[in-house]
């Protein structure tokens, strides 16, 4: 199930660029995201690693939103 969510995020990122995606490119992106998430590099994503990764992504998105609000003022 998690791989499906991971794959959907990879697809979503590729899809927004409005270009075709090869299977090789899709898998390369999925593997790169897996590698970023697997912080201890043991080839297994733990629940803690997944939670930490998504918390980091959420914090980065929030920081970008706040930066944009500050720029507009």
C-alpha atoms as a PDB file:
ATOM      1  CA  UNK A   1       0.000   0.000   0.000  1.00  0.00           C
ATOM      2  CA  UNK A   2       2.761   2.449   0.864  1.00  0.00           C
ATOM      3  CA  UNK A   3       4.503   1.779  -2.445  1.00  0.00           C
ATOM      4  CA  UNK A   4       1.261   2.719  -4.162  1.00  0.00           C
ATOM      5  CA  UNK A   5       1.235   6.052  -2.317  1.00  0.00           C
ATOM      6  CA  UNK A   6       4.883   6.562  -3.157  1.00  0.00           C
ATOM      7  CA  UNK A   7       4.197   5.760  -6.784  1.00  0.00           C
ATOM      8  CA  UNK A   8       1.256   8.127  -6.936  1.00  0.00           C
ATOM      9  CA  UNK A   9       3.414  10.953  -5.629  1.00  0.00           C
ATOM     10  CA  UNK A  10       6.061  10.221  -8.233  1.00  0.00           C
ATOM     11  CA  UNK A  11       3.387  10.124 -10.919  1.00  0.00           C
ATOM     12  CA  UNK A  12       1.796  13.314  -9.655  1.00  0.00           C
ATOM     13  CA  UNK A  13       5.108  15.158  -9.850  1.00  0.00           C
ATOM     14  CA  UNK A  14       5.723  13.921 -13.370  1.00  0.00           C
ATOM     15  CA  UNK A  15       2.164  14.560 -14.443  1.00  0.00           C
ATOM     16  CA  UNK A  16       2.208  18.220 -13.453  1.00  0.00           C
ATOM     17  CA  UNK A  17       5.117  18.797 -15.808  1.00  0.00           C
ATOM     18  CA  UNK A  18       2.740  17.926 -18.667  1.00  0.00           C
ATOM     19  CA  UNK A  19       5.112  15.524 -20.298  1.00  0.00           C
ATOM     20  CA  UNK A  20       5.119  11.832 -21.038  1.00  0.00           C
ATOM     21  CA  UNK A  21       6.919   9.616 -18.558  1.00  0.00           C
ATOM     22  CA  UNK A  22       8.691   6.407 -19.445  1.00  0.00           C
ATOM     23  CA  UNK A  23       8.541   3.430 -17.131  1.00  0.00           C
ATOM     24  CA  UNK A  24      12.291   3.772 -16.589  1.00  0.00           C
ATOM     25  CA  UNK A  25      11.958   7.438 -15.566  1.00  0.00           C
ATOM     26  CA  UNK A  26       9.014   6.647 -13.315  1.00  0.00           C
ATOM     27  CA  UNK A  27      10.921   3.881 -11.537  1.00  0.00           C
ATOM     28  CA  UNK A  28      14.040   6.048 -11.290  1.00  0.00           C
ATOM     29  CA  UNK A  29      12.033   8.774  -9.541  1.00  0.00           C
ATOM     30  CA  UNK A  30      10.397   6.255  -7.206  1.00  0.00           C
ATOM     31  CA  UNK A  31      13.781   4.762  -6.315  1.00  0.00           C
ATOM     32  CA  UNK A  32      15.253   8.209  -5.662  1.00  0.00           C
ATOM     33  CA  UNK A  33      12.392   9.051  -3.287  1.00  0.00           C
ATOM     34  CA  UNK A  34      12.780   5.690  -1.522  1.00  0.00           C
ATOM     35  CA  UNK A  35      16.498   6.399  -1.091  1.00  0.00           C
ATOM     36  CA  UNK A  36      15.770   9.839   0.413  1.00  0.00           C
ATOM     37  CA  UNK A  37      13.308   8.290   2.839  1.00  0.00           C
ATOM     38  CA  UNK A  38      15.550   5.352   3.845  1.00  0.00           C
ATOM     39  CA  UNK A  39      17.749   7.378   6.185  1.00  0.00           C
ATOM     40  CA  UNK A  40      19.699   4.431   7.603  1.00  0.00           C
ATOM     41  CA  UNK A  41      20.244   3.032   4.078  1.00  0.00           C
ATOM     42  CA  UNK A  42      19.302  -0.535   5.005  1.00  0.00           C
ATOM     43  CA  UNK A  43      16.820  -0.974   2.142  1.00  0.00           C
ATOM     44  CA  UNK A  44      13.790  -0.981   4.449  1.00  0.00           C
ATOM     45  CA  UNK A  45      11.455   1.924   5.082  1.00  0.00           C
ATOM     46  CA  UNK A  46      10.313   1.892   8.670  1.00  0.00           C
ATOM     47  CA  UNK A  47       7.176   3.603   9.869  1.00  0.00           C
ATOM     48  CA  UNK A  48       9.387   6.117  11.683  1.00  0.00           C
ATOM     49  CA  UNK A  49      11.377   6.900   8.512  1.00  0.00           C
ATOM     50  CA  UNK A  50       8.187   7.424   6.514  1.00  0.00           C
ATOM     51  CA  UNK A  51       6.664   9.663   9.184  1.00  0.00           C
ATOM     52  CA  UNK A  52       9.858  11.694   9.500  1.00  0.00           C
ATOM     53  CA  UNK A  53      10.124  12.163   5.739  1.00  0.00           C
ATOM     54  CA  UNK A  54       6.536  13.331   5.330  1.00  0.00           C
ATOM     55  CA  UNK A  55       6.799  15.603   8.377  1.00  0.00           C
ATOM     56  CA  UNK A  56       9.869  17.185   6.781  1.00  0.00           C
ATOM     57  CA  UNK A  57       8.059  17.652   3.461  1.00  0.00           C
ATOM     58  CA  UNK A  58       5.068  19.196   5.249  1.00  0.00           C
ATOM     59  CA  UNK A  59       7.320  21.588   7.185  1.00  0.00           C
ATOM     60  CA  UNK A  60       9.110  22.626   3.991  1.00  0.00           C
ATOM     61  CA  UNK A  61       5.786  23.320   2.250  1.00  0.00           C
ATOM     62  CA  UNK A  62       4.564  25.366   5.196  1.00  0.00           C
ATOM     63  CA  UNK A  63       7.813  27.353   5.239  1.00  0.00           C
ATOM     64  CA  UNK A  64       7.388  28.122   1.525  1.00  0.00           C
ATOM     65  CA  UNK A  65       3.817  29.299   2.114  1.00  0.00           C
ATOM     66  CA  UNK A  66       4.964  31.562   4.934  1.00  0.00           C
ATOM     67  CA  UNK A  67       7.792  32.938   2.806  1.00  0.00           C
ATOM     68  CA  UNK A  68       5.348  33.796   0.032  1.00  0.00           C
ATOM     69  CA  UNK A  69       3.052  35.545   2.503  1.00  0.00           C
ATOM     70  CA  UNK A  70       6.003  37.562   3.816  1.00  0.00           C
ATOM     71  CA  UNK A  71       7.089  38.533   0.277  1.00  0.00           C
ATOM     72  CA  UNK A  72       3.621  39.861  -0.539  1.00  0.00           C
ATOM     73  CA  UNK A  73       3.620  42.244   2.425  1.00  0.00           C
END
